[in-house]
Amino acid sequence: MIAGEPTPSRISSIALGTGDIDHVYHFALHELLDTVKDLGMSDAEDSINMMIEGKRLRDISDLPLDLVV
């Protein structure tokens, strides 16, 4: 799934939901991370990092490489 959702809580409900979706690719993941850091939203930052480390959330630039494999 490709998303542009700006709220980390909605992204987590998709990425960590039922397990029907392998990965969520965000079109501006780096910008979203920078924004939550700048706003001091540590809970949102932790949530995003957990999804990234758990390989549930990826940047859109990873999609072509994942399709090749």
C-alpha atoms as a PDB file:
ATOM      1  CA  MET A   1       0.000   0.000   0.000  1.00  0.00           C
ATOM      2  CA  ILE A   2       1.180   3.505  -0.794  1.00  0.00           C
ATOM      3  CA  ALA A   3       0.128   6.243   1.593  1.00  0.00           C
ATOM      4  CA  GLY A   4       0.488   9.957   2.088  1.00  0.00           C
ATOM      5  CA  GLU A   5      -1.198  10.051   5.469  1.00  0.00           C
ATOM      6  CA  PRO A   6       0.167  12.871   7.665  1.00  0.00           C
ATOM      7  CA  THR A   7      -0.812  11.413  11.040  1.00  0.00           C
ATOM      8  CA  PRO A   8       1.336   8.647  12.539  1.00  0.00           C
ATOM      9  CA  SER A   9      -1.634   7.142  14.408  1.00  0.00           C
ATOM     10  CA  ARG A  10      -3.503   6.484  11.167  1.00  0.00           C
ATOM     11  CA  ILE A  11      -0.381   5.075   9.530  1.00  0.00           C
ATOM     12  CA  SER A  12       0.072   2.671  12.437  1.00  0.00           C
ATOM     13  CA  SER A  13      -3.534   1.514  12.212  1.00  0.00           C
ATOM     14  CA  ILE A  14      -2.885   0.582   8.578  1.00  0.00           C
ATOM     15  CA  ALA A  15       0.644  -0.786   8.982  1.00  0.00           C
ATOM     16  CA  LEU A  16      -0.012  -2.687  12.203  1.00  0.00           C
ATOM     17  CA  GLY A  17      -3.632  -3.572  11.512  1.00  0.00           C
ATOM     18  CA  THR A  18      -4.788  -7.030  10.520  1.00  0.00           C
ATOM     19  CA  GLY A  19      -1.558  -8.123   8.857  1.00  0.00           C
ATOM     20  CA  ASP A  20      -3.158  -8.255   5.415  1.00  0.00           C
ATOM     21  CA  ILE A  21      -0.706  -5.616   4.177  1.00  0.00           C
ATOM     22  CA  ASP A  22       2.996  -6.497   3.939  1.00  0.00           C
ATOM     23  CA  HIS A  23       4.349  -2.947   3.888  1.00  0.00           C
ATOM     24  CA  VAL A  24       3.075   0.585   3.840  1.00  0.00           C
ATOM     25  CA  TYR A  25       5.133   2.833   1.589  1.00  0.00           C
ATOM     26  CA  HIS A  26       4.940   6.507   2.534  1.00  0.00           C
ATOM     27  CA  PHE A  27       5.658   9.071  -0.154  1.00  0.00           C
ATOM     28  CA  ALA A  28       7.234  11.526   2.307  1.00  0.00           C
ATOM     29  CA  LEU A  29       8.506   9.378   5.162  1.00  0.00           C
ATOM     30  CA  HIS A  30      11.699  11.335   5.773  1.00  0.00           C
ATOM     31  CA  GLU A  31       9.796  14.612   5.815  1.00  0.00           C
ATOM     32  CA  LEU A  32       7.208  13.158   8.200  1.00  0.00           C
ATOM     33  CA  LEU A  33       9.960  12.028  10.571  1.00  0.00           C
ATOM     34  CA  ASP A  34      11.612  15.454  10.417  1.00  0.00           C
ATOM     35  CA  THR A  35       8.282  17.132  11.162  1.00  0.00           C
ATOM     36  CA  VAL A  36       7.421  15.045  14.219  1.00  0.00           C
ATOM     37  CA  LYS A  37      10.951  15.605  15.531  1.00  0.00           C
ATOM     38  CA  ASP A  38      10.702  19.372  14.980  1.00  0.00           C
ATOM     39  CA  LEU A  39       7.319  19.467  16.734  1.00  0.00           C
ATOM     40  CA  GLY A  40       8.649  17.439  19.675  1.00  0.00           C
ATOM     41  CA  MET A  41       6.110  14.663  19.153  1.00  0.00           C
ATOM     42  CA  SER A  42       8.200  11.942  20.779  1.00  0.00           C
ATOM     43  CA  ASP A  43       5.327   9.420  20.945  1.00  0.00           C
ATOM     44  CA  ALA A  44       4.693   9.792  17.215  1.00  0.00           C
ATOM     45  CA  GLU A  45       8.416   9.572  16.489  1.00  0.00           C
ATOM     46  CA  ASP A  46       8.671   6.381  18.556  1.00  0.00           C
ATOM     47  CA  SER A  47       5.674   4.911  16.750  1.00  0.00           C
ATOM     48  CA  ILE A  48       7.104   5.680  13.321  1.00  0.00           C
ATOM     49  CA  ASN A  49      10.513   4.287  14.258  1.00  0.00           C
ATOM     50  CA  MET A  50       8.881   1.113  15.620  1.00  0.00           C
ATOM     51  CA  MET A  51       7.049   0.588  12.318  1.00  0.00           C
ATOM     52  CA  ILE A  52      10.256   1.199  10.340  1.00  0.00           C
ATOM     53  CA  GLU A  53      12.307  -1.173  12.493  1.00  0.00           C
ATOM     54  CA  GLY A  54       9.526  -3.768  12.278  1.00  0.00           C
ATOM     55  CA  LYS A  55       9.646  -3.482   8.474  1.00  0.00           C
ATOM     56  CA  ARG A  56       6.010  -2.427   8.292  1.00  0.00           C
ATOM     57  CA  LEU A  57       6.637   1.156   7.102  1.00  0.00           C
ATOM     58  CA  ARG A  58       9.009   2.074   4.299  1.00  0.00           C
ATOM     59  CA  ASP A  59       9.867   5.064   2.168  1.00  0.00           C
ATOM     60  CA  ILE A  60       8.443   5.151  -1.350  1.00  0.00           C
ATOM     61  CA  SER A  61      12.008   5.074  -2.726  1.00  0.00           C
ATOM     62  CA  ASP A  62      12.260   1.477  -1.441  1.00  0.00           C
ATOM     63  CA  LEU A  63       9.368   0.292  -3.605  1.00  0.00           C
ATOM     64  CA  PRO A  64      11.257  -0.240  -6.895  1.00  0.00           C
ATOM     65  CA  LEU A  65      13.941  -2.278  -5.133  1.00  0.00           C
ATOM     66  CA  ASP A  66      11.325  -4.393  -3.363  1.00  0.00           C
ATOM     67  CA  LEU A  67       9.572  -5.084  -6.655  1.00  0.00           C
ATOM     68  CA  VAL A  68      12.801  -6.341  -8.242  1.00  0.00           C
ATOM     69  CA  VAL A  69      13.319  -8.964  -5.542  1.00  0.00           C
END
